């Protein structure tokens, strides 16, 4: 899968790994829009977890002070 027009890229393992990662991302997410959608979902889940943890901490603090 090396670029035959650029001799430096013919056997470069870094280029091969980048291309393999790109291919895997395309297969998994269908392109940049799919990947961005995935990142937004992961971010929303993280924010929800953080909010839930803050609510639990607040409830625990209120229970201690009562």
Protein backbone atom coordinates (compact mmCIF):
# COMPACT_ATOMS: atom_id res chain seq x y z
CA UNK A 1 0.00 0.00 0.00
CA UNK A 2 3.05 2.26 -0.12
CA UNK A 3 3.15 5.27 -2.40
CA UNK A 4 5.28 4.09 -5.32
CA UNK A 5 5.85 7.66 -6.52
CA UNK A 6 7.71 8.62 -3.32
CA UNK A 7 10.64 6.26 -2.60
CA UNK A 8 10.86 7.49 1.02
CA UNK A 9 7.33 6.21 1.74
CA UNK A 10 7.74 2.79 0.16
CA UNK A 11 8.82 0.99 3.32
CA UNK A 12 8.10 3.56 6.02
CA UNK A 13 6.42 1.75 8.95
CA UNK A 14 5.01 4.99 10.34
CA UNK A 15 3.20 5.78 7.09
CA UNK A 16 1.88 2.22 6.98
CA UNK A 17 0.58 2.50 10.56
CA UNK A 18 -1.09 5.86 9.90
CA UNK A 19 -2.80 4.44 6.83
CA UNK A 20 -3.94 1.37 8.77
CA UNK A 21 -5.37 3.58 11.55
CA UNK A 22 -7.13 5.75 8.97
CA UNK A 23 -8.62 2.67 7.32
CA UNK A 24 -9.85 1.35 10.69
CA UNK A 25 -11.45 4.69 11.58
CA UNK A 26 -13.19 4.83 8.21
CA UNK A 27 -14.50 1.30 8.66
CA UNK A 28 -15.69 1.94 12.22
CA UNK A 29 -17.15 5.45 11.90
CA UNK A 30 -17.71 5.90 8.18
CA UNK A 31 -15.67 9.07 7.93
CA UNK A 32 -15.00 12.28 9.79
CA UNK A 33 -18.66 13.14 10.40
CA UNK A 34 -19.26 9.74 12.01
CA UNK A 35 -16.15 10.11 14.14
CA UNK A 36 -17.19 13.60 15.27
CA UNK A 37 -20.65 12.26 16.14
CA UNK A 38 -18.96 9.54 18.23
CA UNK A 39 -16.81 12.14 20.02
CA UNK A 40 -19.88 14.25 20.82
CA UNK A 41 -21.63 11.18 22.28
CA UNK A 42 -18.60 10.29 24.41
CA UNK A 43 -18.35 13.90 25.61
CA UNK A 44 -22.04 14.01 26.55
CA UNK A 45 -21.68 10.75 28.49
CA UNK A 46 -18.67 12.14 30.37
CA UNK A 47 -20.53 15.33 31.26
CA UNK A 48 -23.49 13.30 32.52
CA UNK A 49 -21.20 11.14 34.70
CA UNK A 50 -19.51 14.23 36.12
CA UNK A 51 -22.89 15.83 36.87
CA UNK A 52 -24.13 12.65 38.59
CA UNK A 53 -20.94 12.41 40.67
CA UNK A 54 -21.24 16.07 41.71
CA UNK A 55 -24.86 15.49 42.77
CA UNK A 56 -23.82 12.45 44.83
CA UNK A 57 -21.02 14.41 46.50
CA UNK A 58 -23.40 17.27 47.26
CA UNK A 59 -25.98 14.89 48.73
CA UNK A 60 -23.29 13.25 50.85
CA UNK A 61 -22.10 16.65 52.14
CA UNK A 62 -25.67 17.65 53.00
CA UNK A 63 -26.10 14.38 54.87
CA UNK A 64 -22.96 15.04 56.92
CA UNK A 65 -23.97 18.56 57.89
CA UNK A 66 -27.52 17.63 58.93
